Protein backbone atom coordinates (compact mmCIF):
# COMPACT_ATOMS: atom_id res chain seq x y z
CA MET A 1 15.99 -18.44 -34.45
CA THR A 2 18.68 -21.08 -34.87
CA ARG A 3 20.06 -23.06 -32.00
CA LYS A 4 23.82 -22.87 -31.59
CA GLU A 5 25.55 -26.13 -30.78
CA HIS A 6 28.25 -26.14 -28.11
CA LEU A 7 30.88 -28.51 -26.82
CA ILE A 8 31.97 -28.44 -23.21
CA GLY A 9 35.73 -28.26 -22.87
CA LYS A 10 37.87 -29.97 -20.25
CA ASP A 11 37.88 -26.74 -18.26
CA GLY A 12 34.06 -26.63 -18.24
CA SER A 13 33.79 -23.80 -20.73
CA ALA A 14 31.43 -23.96 -23.69
CA GLU A 15 32.73 -23.52 -27.22
CA GLU A 16 30.62 -23.09 -30.34
CA LEU A 17 31.07 -25.86 -32.90
CA GLY A 18 31.96 -23.35 -35.63
CA SER A 19 34.79 -22.04 -33.49
CA LEU A 20 36.02 -25.58 -32.88
CA GLU A 21 35.97 -26.36 -36.60
CA LYS A 22 37.93 -23.20 -37.32
CA ARG A 23 40.56 -24.23 -34.75
CA LYS A 24 40.81 -27.70 -36.26
CA SER A 25 41.48 -26.22 -39.71
CA MET A 26 44.43 -24.20 -38.37
CA GLU A 27 48.00 -25.35 -38.83
CA ARG A 28 49.83 -25.53 -35.51
CA ILE A 29 53.41 -24.38 -36.05
CA CYS A 30 56.31 -24.76 -33.65
CA PHE A 31 59.86 -23.63 -34.34
CA VAL A 32 63.10 -23.08 -32.43
CA LEU A 33 65.77 -20.41 -32.66
CA GLN A 34 68.78 -19.67 -30.46
CA VAL A 35 69.11 -16.29 -28.75
CA LYS A 36 72.63 -15.22 -27.82
CA PRO A 37 72.98 -15.79 -24.05
CA GLU A 38 74.47 -12.34 -23.50
CA ARG A 39 71.40 -10.72 -25.14
CA LEU A 40 68.61 -12.54 -23.24
CA GLN A 41 67.54 -9.63 -21.03
CA GLU A 42 67.44 -7.16 -23.89
CA TYR A 43 65.54 -9.68 -26.04
CA LYS A 44 62.87 -10.03 -23.34
CA GLU A 45 62.68 -6.25 -22.93
CA ARG A 46 62.13 -5.78 -26.68
CA HIS A 47 59.18 -8.17 -26.52
CA ARG A 48 57.57 -6.29 -23.65
CA SER A 49 57.03 -3.40 -26.05
CA VAL A 50 56.58 -4.80 -29.57
CA TRP A 51 55.69 -2.01 -31.97
CA PRO A 52 51.90 -1.65 -32.38
CA GLU A 53 52.25 -1.71 -36.18
CA MET A 54 54.14 -5.02 -35.93
CA LEU A 55 51.40 -6.52 -33.75
CA LYS A 56 48.81 -5.32 -36.25
CA ALA A 57 50.73 -6.84 -39.17
CA LEU A 58 50.98 -10.20 -37.39
CA GLN A 59 47.25 -10.19 -36.71
CA GLU A 60 46.34 -9.15 -40.26
CA THR A 61 48.53 -11.80 -41.86
CA GLY A 62 47.25 -14.77 -39.88
CA TRP A 63 49.66 -15.21 -36.95
CA ASN A 64 47.12 -16.38 -34.36
CA ASN A 65 47.73 -17.54 -30.79
CA TYR A 66 51.42 -16.66 -31.32
CA SER A 67 53.71 -17.27 -28.33
CA LEU A 68 57.43 -17.25 -27.70
CA PHE A 69 59.02 -19.23 -24.87
CA LEU A 70 62.62 -18.63 -23.79
CA ARG A 71 64.85 -21.02 -21.86
CA PRO A 72 67.70 -19.60 -19.69
CA ASP A 73 70.32 -20.91 -22.15
CA GLY A 74 68.73 -18.93 -25.00
CA LEU A 75 66.67 -21.66 -26.65
CA LEU A 76 63.63 -19.88 -28.06
CA VAL A 77 60.51 -21.89 -28.88
CA GLY A 78 57.84 -20.24 -31.00
CA TYR A 79 54.27 -21.45 -31.42
CA LEU A 80 51.45 -20.14 -33.58
CA GLU A 81 48.24 -21.21 -35.25
CA THR A 82 47.42 -20.10 -38.76
CA PRO A 83 45.30 -21.22 -41.72
CA SER A 84 48.51 -21.42 -43.81
CA PHE A 85 52.03 -20.87 -42.50
CA LYS A 86 53.30 -20.43 -46.03
CA ASN A 87 50.75 -17.68 -46.71
CA ALA A 88 51.31 -16.04 -43.32
CA ARG A 89 55.08 -15.86 -43.92
CA THR A 90 54.63 -14.60 -47.47
CA ALA A 91 52.21 -11.89 -46.33
CA MET A 92 54.53 -10.75 -43.53
CA ALA A 93 57.45 -10.59 -45.97
CA THR A 94 55.58 -7.85 -47.87
CA ARG A 95 55.24 -5.64 -44.78
CA GLU A 96 57.81 -2.89 -44.35
CA VAL A 97 57.43 -3.07 -40.55
CA ASN A 98 58.42 -6.74 -40.61
CA GLU A 99 61.59 -5.95 -42.58
CA ARG A 100 62.54 -3.29 -39.99
CA TRP A 101 61.74 -5.59 -37.04
CA GLN A 102 63.70 -8.53 -38.48
CA ARG A 103 66.75 -6.35 -39.18
CA GLU A 104 66.66 -4.96 -35.63
CA MET A 105 66.27 -8.43 -34.09
CA ALA A 106 68.80 -10.28 -36.28
CA ASP A 107 71.77 -9.65 -34.01
CA PHE A 108 69.99 -11.31 -31.06
CA PHE A 109 70.25 -14.73 -32.69
CA ILE A 110 72.94 -17.32 -33.34
CA GLN A 111 72.45 -18.13 -37.03
CA PRO A 112 74.24 -17.85 -40.36
CA ASP A 113 75.17 -14.30 -41.34
CA GLY A 114 72.59 -12.55 -43.45
CA VAL A 115 69.73 -14.87 -42.46
CA LEU A 116 66.93 -12.92 -40.80
CA PRO A 117 65.08 -14.56 -37.90
CA ASP A 118 61.81 -14.99 -39.79
CA GLN A 119 63.67 -16.83 -42.57
CA ALA A 120 65.26 -19.20 -40.03
CA MET A 121 61.91 -20.40 -38.65
CA ALA A 122 61.80 -24.05 -39.70
CA PRO A 123 58.62 -25.75 -38.46
CA LEU A 124 59.16 -28.80 -36.29
CA GLU A 125 57.37 -32.03 -37.09
CA GLU A 126 54.35 -32.59 -34.87
CA VAL A 127 54.48 -36.13 -33.55
CA PHE A 128 51.67 -36.03 -30.97
CA HIS A 129 48.59 -33.93 -30.23
CA VAL A 130 45.56 -34.47 -28.00
């Protein structure tokens, strides 16, 4: 039997080294978009019931630990971890459910006409991480 090595996190929890290495190899992506102020409530409601097939597609294409944060003025901050953001975006672009979701969500955002939300996600530069 092999002994598993663990690290103790700041919160006192144990994490296997393999899991830690996997996390370290992930790209951490943060992006911002602007939701129209008059559509904030509806935007939040839509995200309370994301289509199961959309959730499955995100999971299958490498969108891990994906969160959206919304400020009262409509600033939307997205965060995710993925082995490759380029590959995750490319894989999602092939999913029919993503095309439907992006078309339905496009009118919630302030952005150039014809640009779907997933195409407007420009990763921010990470300048600090502990």
